[in-house]
Amino acid sequence: MRGRVESRLEGLAGKFRREVEELIRVAADGGVGLRVTEGYRSGVRQLAYWAQGRDVVKVRGLAWEMGLKLPKLGERDTVNWLRHAAGLAELLDVTHRVTPLKPGESKHQFGLAVDVVPMRYGVPMWTDDKAWEFLGRVIEEEFPELVWGGSWKHPDRPHIESK
């Protein structure tokens, strides 16, 4: 594995990284290419995701607890300030909640989670139900140490984490 995929696997825990690499190979052998869209996530990035759709006072309080000194901004600018600090693109609409997990609660921060998307002809296939079903089946049958977010009460199909 090279380039972008390899860089998105950096920071993952050794055993988990090897499992993800093997899952990518097994999925490809089954006709489903996978692209890792995110692996290790910093505390600032987790805060940027968590901040979306939340009260700016709560966001500022959590940032302060983390030692971040945010400028006094409105909701959209606060979220985008955090996104910029985390190396993410600016958003026009910051009202959609991305995650319920605050910094320190996500397995991404410990190198124990990735987000993936099925690929076909180099194009992400976010809505390919058959590819997602295949991925879930492969994880369930061949990777007992992995958990697929697509099987959760509130499904998160791109998410894969260590048990």
C-alpha atoms as a PDB file:
ATOM      1  CA  MET A   1       0.000   0.000   0.000  1.00  0.00           C
ATOM      2  CA  ARG A   2       1.301   3.353  -0.942  1.00  0.00           C
ATOM      3  CA  GLY A   3       0.629   7.051  -0.858  1.00  0.00           C
ATOM      4  CA  ARG A   4      -2.662   8.329   0.466  1.00  0.00           C
ATOM      5  CA  VAL A   5      -3.898   4.997   1.893  1.00  0.00           C
ATOM      6  CA  GLU A   6      -0.623   4.362   3.672  1.00  0.00           C
ATOM      7  CA  SER A   7      -0.588   7.877   5.141  1.00  0.00           C
ATOM      8  CA  ARG A   8      -4.140   7.401   6.441  1.00  0.00           C
ATOM      9  CA  LEU A   9      -2.997   4.230   8.191  1.00  0.00           C
ATOM     10  CA  GLU A  10      -0.198   6.079  10.006  1.00  0.00           C
ATOM     11  CA  GLY A  11      -0.852   6.409  13.696  1.00  0.00           C
ATOM     12  CA  LEU A  12      -2.910   3.226  13.892  1.00  0.00           C
ATOM     13  CA  ALA A  13      -2.047   0.655  16.557  1.00  0.00           C
ATOM     14  CA  GLY A  14       0.141  -2.100  15.055  1.00  0.00           C
ATOM     15  CA  LYS A  15      -2.219  -5.078  15.333  1.00  0.00           C
ATOM     16  CA  PHE A  16      -5.244  -3.020  14.291  1.00  0.00           C
ATOM     17  CA  ARG A  17      -3.349  -1.596  11.309  1.00  0.00           C
ATOM     18  CA  ARG A  18      -2.409  -5.105  10.146  1.00  0.00           C
ATOM     19  CA  GLU A  19      -6.066  -6.198  10.441  1.00  0.00           C
ATOM     20  CA  VAL A  20      -7.209  -3.206   8.372  1.00  0.00           C
ATOM     21  CA  GLU A  21      -4.560  -3.871   5.720  1.00  0.00           C
ATOM     22  CA  GLU A  22      -5.697  -7.508   5.513  1.00  0.00           C
ATOM     23  CA  LEU A  23      -9.362  -6.426   5.337  1.00  0.00           C
ATOM     24  CA  ILE A  24      -8.515  -4.136   2.411  1.00  0.00           C
ATOM     25  CA  ARG A  25      -6.831  -7.080   0.623  1.00  0.00           C
ATOM     26  CA  VAL A  26      -9.709  -9.501   1.331  1.00  0.00           C
ATOM     27  CA  ALA A  27     -12.318  -6.956   0.188  1.00  0.00           C
ATOM     28  CA  ALA A  28     -10.346  -6.307  -3.018  1.00  0.00           C
ATOM     29  CA  ASP A  29     -10.141 -10.054  -3.679  1.00  0.00           C
ATOM     30  CA  GLY A  30     -13.944 -10.100  -3.316  1.00  0.00           C
ATOM     31  CA  GLY A  31     -14.331  -7.299  -5.847  1.00  0.00           C
ATOM     32  CA  VAL A  32     -14.793  -4.364  -3.441  1.00  0.00           C
ATOM     33  CA  GLY A  33     -12.045  -1.778  -3.324  1.00  0.00           C
ATOM     34  CA  LEU A  34     -11.814   0.190  -0.084  1.00  0.00           C
ATOM     35  CA  ARG A  35     -10.342   3.626   0.489  1.00  0.00           C
ATOM     36  CA  VAL A  36      -9.452   4.696   4.012  1.00  0.00           C
ATOM     37  CA  THR A  37     -10.880   8.186   4.458  1.00  0.00           C
ATOM     38  CA  GLU A  38      -9.688   8.684   8.020  1.00  0.00           C
ATOM     39  CA  GLY A  39      -7.606   6.828  10.569  1.00  0.00           C
ATOM     40  CA  TYR A  40      -5.898   8.370  13.580  1.00  0.00           C
ATOM     41  CA  ARG A  41      -7.662  11.533  14.731  1.00  0.00           C
ATOM     42  CA  SER A  42      -6.137  14.234  16.950  1.00  0.00           C
ATOM     43  CA  GLY A  43      -8.005  15.727  19.894  1.00  0.00           C
ATOM     44  CA  VAL A  44      -8.434  19.003  18.003  1.00  0.00           C
ATOM     45  CA  ARG A  45      -9.926  17.196  15.006  1.00  0.00           C
ATOM     46  CA  GLN A  46     -12.285  15.250  17.284  1.00  0.00           C
ATOM     47  CA  LEU A  47     -13.334  18.539  18.895  1.00  0.00           C
ATOM     48  CA  ALA A  48     -13.919  20.088  15.456  1.00  0.00           C
ATOM     49  CA  TYR A  49     -16.227  17.215  14.516  1.00  0.00           C
ATOM     50  CA  TRP A  50     -17.980  17.228  17.907  1.00  0.00           C
ATOM     51  CA  ALA A  51     -18.478  21.022  17.775  1.00  0.00           C
ATOM     52  CA  GLN A  52     -20.698  20.829  14.700  1.00  0.00           C
ATOM     53  CA  GLY A  53     -24.323  21.403  15.682  1.00  0.00           C
ATOM     54  CA  ARG A  54     -23.506  22.208  19.308  1.00  0.00           C
ATOM     55  CA  ASP A  55     -23.856  25.293  21.489  1.00  0.00           C
ATOM     56  CA  VAL A  56     -20.812  27.534  21.121  1.00  0.00           C
ATOM     57  CA  VAL A  57     -20.572  28.027  24.907  1.00  0.00           C
ATOM     58  CA  LYS A  58     -20.226  24.239  25.414  1.00  0.00           C
ATOM     59  CA  VAL A  59     -17.655  24.069  22.618  1.00  0.00           C
ATOM     60  CA  ARG A  60     -15.621  26.926  24.102  1.00  0.00           C
ATOM     61  CA  GLY A  61     -15.754  25.272  27.551  1.00  0.00           C
ATOM     62  CA  LEU A  62     -14.490  21.950  26.239  1.00  0.00           C
ATOM     63  CA  ALA A  63     -11.793  23.692  24.194  1.00  0.00           C
ATOM     64  CA  TRP A  64     -10.692  25.559  27.328  1.00  0.00           C
ATOM     65  CA  GLU A  65     -10.497  22.240  29.242  1.00  0.00           C
ATOM     66  CA  MET A  66      -8.214  20.979  26.464  1.00  0.00           C
ATOM     67  CA  GLY A  67      -5.976  24.038  26.800  1.00  0.00           C
ATOM     68  CA  LEU A  68      -7.156  25.679  23.579  1.00  0.00           C
ATOM     69  CA  LYS A  69      -7.749  29.413  23.608  1.00  0.00           C
ATOM     70  CA  LEU A  70     -10.457  30.102  21.067  1.00  0.00           C
ATOM     71  CA  PRO A  71     -11.096  33.617  19.854  1.00  0.00           C
ATOM     72  CA  LYS A  72     -14.571  34.962  20.636  1.00  0.00           C
ATOM     73  CA  LEU A  73     -16.515  34.006  17.545  1.00  0.00           C
ATOM     74  CA  GLY A  74     -20.021  32.934  16.595  1.00  0.00           C
ATOM     75  CA  GLU A  75     -21.047  29.308  16.091  1.00  0.00           C
ATOM     76  CA  ARG A  76     -20.039  28.963  12.429  1.00  0.00           C
ATOM     77  CA  ASP A  77     -16.724  30.767  12.835  1.00  0.00           C
ATOM     78  CA  THR A  78     -15.862  28.803  16.001  1.00  0.00           C
ATOM     79  CA  VAL A  79     -16.433  25.491  14.218  1.00  0.00           C
ATOM     80  CA  ASN A  80     -14.455  26.647  11.194  1.00  0.00           C
ATOM     81  CA  TRP A  81     -11.632  27.968  13.392  1.00  0.00           C
ATOM     82  CA  LEU A  82     -11.384  24.475  14.917  1.00  0.00           C
ATOM     83  CA  ARG A  83     -11.652  22.823  11.506  1.00  0.00           C
ATOM     84  CA  HIS A  84      -8.818  25.014  10.227  1.00  0.00           C
ATOM     85  CA  ALA A  85      -6.699  24.135  13.291  1.00  0.00           C
ATOM     86  CA  ALA A  86      -7.373  20.450  12.546  1.00  0.00           C
ATOM     87  CA  GLY A  87      -6.467  20.741   8.850  1.00  0.00           C
ATOM     88  CA  LEU A  88     -10.082  20.393   7.655  1.00  0.00           C
ATOM     89  CA  ALA A  89     -11.945  22.410   5.045  1.00  0.00           C
ATOM     90  CA  GLU A  90     -14.311  25.198   6.030  1.00  0.00           C
ATOM     91  CA  LEU A  91     -18.051  24.496   6.096  1.00  0.00           C
ATOM     92  CA  LEU A  92     -20.918  26.807   5.237  1.00  0.00           C
ATOM     93  CA  ASP A  93     -23.419  24.785   7.263  1.00  0.00           C
ATOM     94  CA  VAL A  94     -22.082  23.741  10.675  1.00  0.00           C
ATOM     95  CA  THR A  95     -25.429  22.678  12.148  1.00  0.00           C
ATOM     96  CA  HIS A  96     -25.232  18.963  11.243  1.00  0.00           C
ATOM     97  CA  ARG A  97     -23.894  16.870  14.132  1.00  0.00           C
ATOM     98  CA  VAL A  98     -21.107  14.531  13.082  1.00  0.00           C
ATOM     99  CA  THR A  99     -20.326  12.601  16.259  1.00  0.00           C
ATOM    100  CA  PRO A 100     -21.623  12.269  19.806  1.00  0.00           C
ATOM    101  CA  LEU A 101     -18.088  11.544  21.037  1.00  0.00           C
ATOM    102  CA  LYS A 102     -16.066  14.278  22.696  1.00  0.00           C
ATOM    103  CA  PRO A 103     -12.270  14.356  22.536  1.00  0.00           C
ATOM    104  CA  GLY A 104     -10.863  11.383  24.424  1.00  0.00           C
ATOM    105  CA  GLU A 105     -13.915   9.193  23.726  1.00  0.00           C
ATOM    106  CA  SER A 106     -13.300   8.152  20.107  1.00  0.00           C
ATOM    107  CA  LYS A 107     -11.258   5.075  19.222  1.00  0.00           C
ATOM    108  CA  HIS A 108      -9.869   7.129  16.317  1.00  0.00           C
ATOM    109  CA  GLN A 109      -7.798   9.062  18.867  1.00  0.00           C
ATOM    110  CA  PHE A 110      -6.150   5.873  20.074  1.00  0.00           C
ATOM    111  CA  GLY A 111      -5.345   4.515  16.603  1.00  0.00           C
ATOM    112  CA  LEU A 112      -8.072   1.881  16.928  1.00  0.00           C
ATOM    113  CA  ALA A 113     -10.586   3.044  14.287  1.00  0.00           C
ATOM    114  CA  VAL A 114     -10.787   3.910  10.604  1.00  0.00           C
ATOM    115  CA  ASP A 115     -13.435   5.185   8.245  1.00  0.00           C
ATOM    116  CA  VAL A 116     -13.585   3.661   4.755  1.00  0.00           C
ATOM    117  CA  VAL A 117     -15.590   3.940   1.561  1.00  0.00           C
ATOM    118  CA  PRO A 118     -16.102   1.336  -1.183  1.00  0.00           C
ATOM    119  CA  MET A 119     -14.511   2.382  -4.483  1.00  0.00           C
ATOM    120  CA  ARG A 120     -15.352   1.575  -8.077  1.00  0.00           C
ATOM    121  CA  TYR A 121     -13.244   2.887 -10.977  1.00  0.00           C
ATOM    122  CA  GLY A 122     -11.602   5.335  -8.581  1.00  0.00           C
ATOM    123  CA  VAL A 123     -14.962   6.808  -7.529  1.00  0.00           C
ATOM    124  CA  PRO A 124     -16.274   6.630  -3.936  1.00  0.00           C
ATOM    125  CA  MET A 125     -19.492   4.592  -3.825  1.00  0.00           C
ATOM    126  CA  TRP A 126     -21.099   5.913  -0.636  1.00  0.00           C
ATOM    127  CA  THR A 127     -24.561   4.627  -1.597  1.00  0.00           C
ATOM    128  CA  ASP A 128     -23.569   1.147  -2.875  1.00  0.00           C
ATOM    129  CA  ASP A 129     -25.636  -0.990  -0.486  1.00  0.00           C
ATOM    130  CA  LYS A 130     -24.284  -4.267  -1.901  1.00  0.00           C
ATOM    131  CA  ALA A 131     -20.686  -3.185  -1.259  1.00  0.00           C
ATOM    132  CA  TRP A 132     -21.529  -2.143   2.305  1.00  0.00           C
ATOM    133  CA  GLU A 133     -23.357  -5.433   2.935  1.00  0.00           C
ATOM    134  CA  PHE A 134     -20.355  -7.328   1.580  1.00  0.00           C
ATOM    135  CA  LEU A 135     -18.028  -5.384   3.879  1.00  0.00           C
ATOM    136  CA  GLY A 136     -20.201  -6.107   6.908  1.00  0.00           C
ATOM    137  CA  ARG A 137     -20.360  -9.812   6.054  1.00  0.00           C
ATOM    138  CA  VAL A 138     -16.581 -10.072   5.573  1.00  0.00           C
ATOM    139  CA  ILE A 139     -15.880  -8.352   8.884  1.00  0.00           C
ATOM    140  CA  GLU A 140     -18.394 -10.516  10.734  1.00  0.00           C
ATOM    141  CA  GLU A 141     -17.175 -13.796   9.206  1.00  0.00           C
ATOM    142  CA  GLU A 142     -13.426 -13.260   8.876  1.00  0.00           C
ATOM    143  CA  PHE A 143     -12.354 -10.507  11.271  1.00  0.00           C
ATOM    144  CA  PRO A 144     -13.596 -11.291  14.794  1.00  0.00           C
ATOM    145  CA  GLU A 145     -11.373  -8.580  16.311  1.00  0.00           C
ATOM    146  CA  LEU A 146     -13.097  -5.838  14.298  1.00  0.00           C
ATOM    147  CA  VAL A 147     -16.439  -4.098  14.816  1.00  0.00           C
ATOM    148  CA  TRP A 148     -18.331  -2.622  11.860  1.00  0.00           C
ATOM    149  CA  GLY A 149     -20.305   0.558  12.569  1.00  0.00           C
ATOM    150  CA  GLY A 150     -22.887  -0.478   9.987  1.00  0.00           C
ATOM    151  CA  SER A 151     -24.276  -3.016  12.455  1.00  0.00           C
ATOM    152  CA  TRP A 152     -24.965  -0.444  15.192  1.00  0.00           C
ATOM    153  CA  LYS A 153     -28.390   0.820  16.319  1.00  0.00           C
ATOM    154  CA  HIS A 154     -27.499   4.131  14.609  1.00  0.00           C
ATOM    155  CA  PRO A 155     -25.449   2.771  11.675  1.00  0.00           C
ATOM    156  CA  ASP A 156     -22.132   4.364  10.746  1.00  0.00           C
ATOM    157  CA  ARG A 157     -21.252   2.263   7.696  1.00  0.00           C
ATOM    158  CA  PRO A 158     -17.820   3.790   7.019  1.00  0.00           C
ATOM    159  CA  HIS A 159     -16.607   3.143  10.592  1.00  0.00           C
ATOM    160  CA  ILE A 160     -14.525   0.110  11.573  1.00  0.00           C
ATOM    161  CA  GLU A 161     -12.929  -0.230  15.001  1.00  0.00           C
ATOM    162  CA  SER A 162     -11.075  -2.697  17.178  1.00  0.00           C
ATOM    163  CA  LYS A 163     -13.070  -4.645  19.786  1.00  0.00           C
END
